[in-house]
Structures are given as structure tokens and as C-alpha cells.
N, C-alpha and C. Protein backbone atom coordinates (compact mmCIF):
# COMPACT_ATOMS: atom_id res chain seq x y z
N MET A 1 -11.26 -1.49 -3.82
CA MET A 1 -11.77 -0.78 -3.05
C MET A 1 -12.84 -0.43 -3.04
N THR A 2 -14.55 -0.64 -2.22
CA THR A 2 -15.24 0.05 -2.28
C THR A 2 -16.14 0.53 -1.10
N LYS A 3 -17.15 1.03 -1.08
CA LYS A 3 -17.60 1.85 0.41
C LYS A 3 -18.98 1.74 0.65
N GLU A 4 -19.15 1.14 1.88
CA GLU A 4 -20.77 0.23 1.66
C GLU A 4 -20.33 1.17 3.24
N SER A 5 -21.72 2.13 3.52
CA SER A 5 -22.16 2.66 4.78
C SER A 5 -20.76 3.50 5.25
N ASP A 6 -20.73 3.64 4.90
CA ASP A 6 -19.01 4.72 5.71
C ASP A 6 -17.94 4.01 5.84
N ILE A 7 -17.63 2.53 5.11
CA ILE A 7 -16.40 2.30 5.62
C ILE A 7 -15.71 1.87 4.56
N LEU A 8 -14.77 2.00 5.05
CA LEU A 8 -13.95 1.68 3.54
C LEU A 8 -12.93 0.17 3.52
N ILE A 9 -13.34 -0.51 2.77
CA ILE A 9 -13.10 -1.74 2.23
C ILE A 9 -11.99 -2.01 1.25
N VAL A 10 -10.62 -1.63 1.65
CA VAL A 10 -9.32 -1.65 0.85
C VAL A 10 -8.65 -3.72 0.50
N LYS A 11 -9.19 -4.38 -0.02
CA LYS A 11 -8.07 -5.71 -0.39
C LYS A 11 -7.01 -5.43 -1.24
N ASP A 12 -5.26 -6.31 -0.74
CA ASP A 12 -4.84 -6.89 -1.30
C ASP A 12 -4.44 -7.58 -2.62
N ALA A 13 -3.58 -7.80 -3.37
CA ALA A 13 -3.64 -8.15 -4.30
C ALA A 13 -3.96 -9.93 -4.42
N ASN A 14 -3.83 -10.26 -3.25
CA ASN A 14 -4.72 -12.06 -3.08
C ASN A 14 -5.99 -11.55 -2.55
N GLY A 15 -7.08 -10.67 -2.29
CA GLY A 15 -7.46 -10.49 -1.93
C GLY A 15 -8.23 -10.06 -0.64
N ASN A 16 -7.04 -10.13 0.49
CA ASN A 16 -7.44 -9.75 1.60
C ASN A 16 -7.31 -8.67 2.39
N LEU A 17 -8.96 -8.53 3.49
CA LEU A 17 -8.35 -7.23 3.45
C LEU A 17 -8.01 -6.47 4.25
N LEU A 18 -7.48 -5.43 4.22
CA LEU A 18 -6.74 -4.45 4.65
C LEU A 18 -7.31 -3.59 6.11
N ALA A 19 -6.59 -2.77 6.93
CA ALA A 19 -7.24 -2.15 7.68
C ALA A 19 -5.82 -1.25 8.51
N ASP A 20 -6.39 -0.44 8.95
CA ASP A 20 -5.47 0.92 9.45
C ASP A 20 -4.34 -0.03 10.46
N GLY A 21 -3.38 0.38 10.32
CA GLY A 21 -1.83 -0.35 11.07
C GLY A 21 -1.30 -1.81 10.51
N ASP A 22 -2.01 -2.02 9.87
CA ASP A 22 -1.48 -3.64 9.24
C ASP A 22 -0.38 -3.50 8.41
N SER A 23 0.89 -4.43 8.30
CA SER A 23 2.13 -4.28 7.83
C SER A 23 1.50 -5.48 6.50
N VAL A 24 2.51 -5.10 5.21
CA VAL A 24 1.67 -5.01 4.11
C VAL A 24 3.65 -5.26 2.88
N THR A 25 3.35 -6.20 2.45
CA THR A 25 4.40 -6.66 1.46
C THR A 25 4.51 -5.72 0.04
N VAL A 26 5.10 -5.03 -0.53
CA VAL A 26 5.33 -5.28 -1.89
C VAL A 26 5.34 -6.10 -2.99
N VAL A 27 5.12 -6.66 -3.91
CA VAL A 27 4.68 -7.83 -4.01
C VAL A 27 5.45 -7.94 -6.71
N LYS A 28 5.82 -6.58 -6.12
CA LYS A 28 6.09 -6.04 -7.70
C LYS A 28 7.09 -4.75 -7.40
N ASP A 29 8.61 -4.93 -8.36
CA ASP A 29 9.17 -4.11 -8.10
C ASP A 29 8.12 -2.27 -9.17
N LEU A 30 8.24 -1.34 -8.40
CA LEU A 30 7.42 -0.16 -8.46
C LEU A 30 8.40 1.12 -8.85
N LYS A 31 8.38 1.53 -10.03
CA LYS A 31 9.36 2.83 -9.81
C LYS A 31 8.42 4.24 -9.12
N VAL A 32 10.01 4.72 -8.41
CA VAL A 32 8.78 5.88 -7.64
C VAL A 32 9.13 7.35 -8.60
N LYS A 33 7.80 7.89 -8.63
CA LYS A 33 8.02 9.07 -9.81
C LYS A 33 8.69 9.99 -9.17
N GLY A 34 9.74 10.81 -9.48
CA GLY A 34 10.60 11.84 -8.94
C GLY A 34 11.39 11.66 -9.24
N SER A 35 11.91 10.14 -8.65
CA SER A 35 12.95 9.91 -8.31
C SER A 35 13.69 8.82 -8.90
N SER A 36 14.79 8.55 -9.24
CA SER A 36 15.81 7.41 -10.05
C SER A 36 15.38 5.93 -9.34
N SER A 37 15.25 6.20 -8.08
CA SER A 37 15.09 4.41 -7.44
C SER A 37 14.08 4.01 -7.23
N MET A 38 13.81 2.79 -7.52
CA MET A 38 13.09 1.74 -7.46
C MET A 38 12.34 1.16 -6.16
N LEU A 39 11.05 1.09 -5.92
CA LEU A 39 10.70 -0.30 -4.55
C LEU A 39 10.44 -1.46 -4.77
N LYS A 40 11.48 -2.27 -4.82
CA LYS A 40 11.49 -3.62 -4.93
C LYS A 40 10.90 -4.72 -4.68
N ILE A 41 10.56 -5.80 -4.45
CA ILE A 41 9.95 -7.34 -4.50
C ILE A 41 10.77 -7.28 -3.05
N GLY A 42 9.41 -7.52 -1.99
CA GLY A 42 9.71 -7.98 -0.44
C GLY A 42 9.79 -6.20 0.22
N THR A 43 10.30 -5.59 -0.31
CA THR A 43 10.04 -4.46 0.39
C THR A 43 9.00 -4.29 1.96
N LYS A 44 9.02 -4.40 2.54
CA LYS A 44 8.36 -4.25 3.53
C LYS A 44 7.84 -2.56 4.52
N VAL A 45 6.43 -3.01 4.25
CA VAL A 45 5.85 -1.35 5.17
C VAL A 45 4.82 -1.45 5.88
N LYS A 46 5.24 -0.90 7.14
CA LYS A 46 4.78 -0.99 8.62
C LYS A 46 3.50 0.39 8.47
N ASN A 47 2.42 0.13 9.41
CA ASN A 47 1.61 1.13 9.73
C ASN A 47 0.95 1.79 8.90
N ILE A 48 0.29 0.73 7.47
CA ILE A 48 0.02 1.82 7.13
C ILE A 48 -1.18 2.46 7.19
N ARG A 49 -1.65 3.78 5.97
CA ARG A 49 -3.20 3.76 6.30
C ARG A 49 -4.37 3.87 5.31
N LEU A 50 -5.16 3.61 5.56
CA LEU A 50 -6.36 3.86 4.19
C LEU A 50 -7.07 5.04 3.77
N VAL A 51 -7.19 5.51 2.84
CA VAL A 51 -7.09 6.54 2.03
C VAL A 51 -7.90 6.41 1.21
N GLU A 52 -9.15 7.21 0.53
CA GLU A 52 -10.32 7.22 -0.72
C GLU A 52 -9.26 7.55 -1.50
N GLY A 53 -8.82 7.29 -2.84
CA GLY A 53 -8.31 7.76 -4.13
C GLY A 53 -8.16 6.15 -4.71
N ASP A 54 -7.09 6.45 -5.78
CA ASP A 54 -6.49 5.55 -6.90
C ASP A 54 -5.63 5.40 -5.81
N HIS A 55 -4.31 5.88 -5.01
CA HIS A 55 -3.65 4.97 -4.40
C HIS A 55 -3.42 5.10 -2.91
N ASN A 56 -4.85 4.38 -3.21
CA ASN A 56 -5.49 4.02 -1.61
C ASN A 56 -4.86 3.48 -0.38
N ILE A 57 -3.05 3.73 -0.03
CA ILE A 57 -2.28 3.14 0.98
C ILE A 57 -1.71 4.34 1.08
N ASP A 58 -1.22 4.59 2.40
CA ASP A 58 -1.11 5.60 2.96
C ASP A 58 0.46 5.63 4.27
N CYS A 59 1.39 5.65 3.49
CA CYS A 59 2.23 4.92 4.15
C CYS A 59 3.62 5.56 4.56
N LYS A 60 4.41 5.42 5.06
CA LYS A 60 6.16 5.57 5.62
C LYS A 60 6.99 4.22 5.12
N ILE A 61 7.84 4.88 4.14
CA ILE A 61 8.54 3.86 3.93
C ILE A 61 10.10 4.19 4.61
N ASP A 62 10.71 3.03 5.00
CA ASP A 62 12.56 3.04 4.85
C ASP A 62 13.17 3.70 3.72
N GLY A 63 13.97 4.77 3.86
CA GLY A 63 14.70 4.87 2.97
C GLY A 63 14.26 5.32 2.08
N PHE A 64 12.78 5.34 1.64
CA PHE A 64 12.23 6.45 0.51
C PHE A 64 11.27 7.57 0.84
N GLY A 65 10.63 7.28 2.24
CA GLY A 65 9.23 8.53 3.09
C GLY A 65 8.23 8.14 3.21
N PRO A 66 7.58 9.68 3.32
CA PRO A 66 6.68 9.09 2.55
C PRO A 66 5.70 8.59 1.52
N MET A 67 4.77 7.87 1.38
CA MET A 67 4.75 7.45 -0.04
C MET A 67 3.54 7.07 0.10
N LYS A 68 2.35 7.12 -0.79
CA LYS A 68 1.31 6.24 -1.42
C LYS A 68 0.90 5.08 -2.13
N LEU A 69 0.65 4.08 -2.07
CA LEU A 69 0.91 2.55 -2.77
C LEU A 69 -0.89 2.55 -3.25
N LYS A 70 -0.66 1.84 -4.51
CA LYS A 70 -1.95 1.11 -4.86
C LYS A 70 -2.30 -0.09 -3.97
N SER A 71 -3.34 -1.10 -3.65
CA SER A 71 -2.96 -2.01 -2.63
C SER A 71 -3.44 -2.99 -3.98
N GLU A 72 -3.18 -3.21 -5.50
CA GLU A 72 -2.71 -3.85 -5.80
C GLU A 72 -1.59 -4.38 -6.00
N PHE A 73 -0.63 -3.91 -5.63
CA PHE A 73 0.40 -3.66 -5.46
C PHE A 73 1.32 -4.32 -4.16
N VAL A 74 0.18 -5.24 -3.19
CA VAL A 74 1.12 -5.13 -2.63
C VAL A 74 0.10 -6.55 -1.43
N LYS A 75 1.34 -7.04 -0.20
CA LYS A 75 -0.19 -8.49 -0.11
C LYS A 75 0.00 -8.73 1.44
N LYS A 76 -0.70 -8.77 2.16
CA LYS A 76 -0.99 -8.56 3.86
C LYS A 76 0.16 -9.37 4.46
N ASN A 77 1.13 -9.20 5.17
CA ASN A 77 1.80 -10.12 5.97
C ASN A 77 1.29 -11.09 7.10
């Protein structure tokens, strides 16, 4: 993630640029903090929103609810 002249640039695990509204897929099993469940590889996430911070993707995942993800653990569809 870099910030050039007030434009947020976020890249996925493969280096592709991400934008608000994109759909992404989780590329690694992720533990969900505060829950005993895990996000599995291949979980599809639709309509992401990019935010500042180390967890720079804000999204809603079916079956899990609202969540923040790091862009290094997703790839663009």
C-alpha cells in the first residue's frame, strides 16, 4: 500500500491493483480473531472497500459478517 497525492494504492498478493467494489479470493487459510472458525482458501469476497491501515480491505463475508483483511492474503478475481 502506498499513498500518492491522496490516492490510495493497494495491491493484492500477485501485485495487481485493487479498487473499491472489486471481488477478491482468499489465498491462505486465515484464523478469525474472536472466533473458532477459519476463512478457507478460495473464499470469495465481493464488493470490497479500501481503507487506510495495516488491514486495508473492509468487506462483508457471507457466513462471517463484516471483516477487515490484509491485501497480501487476497487475489483479484
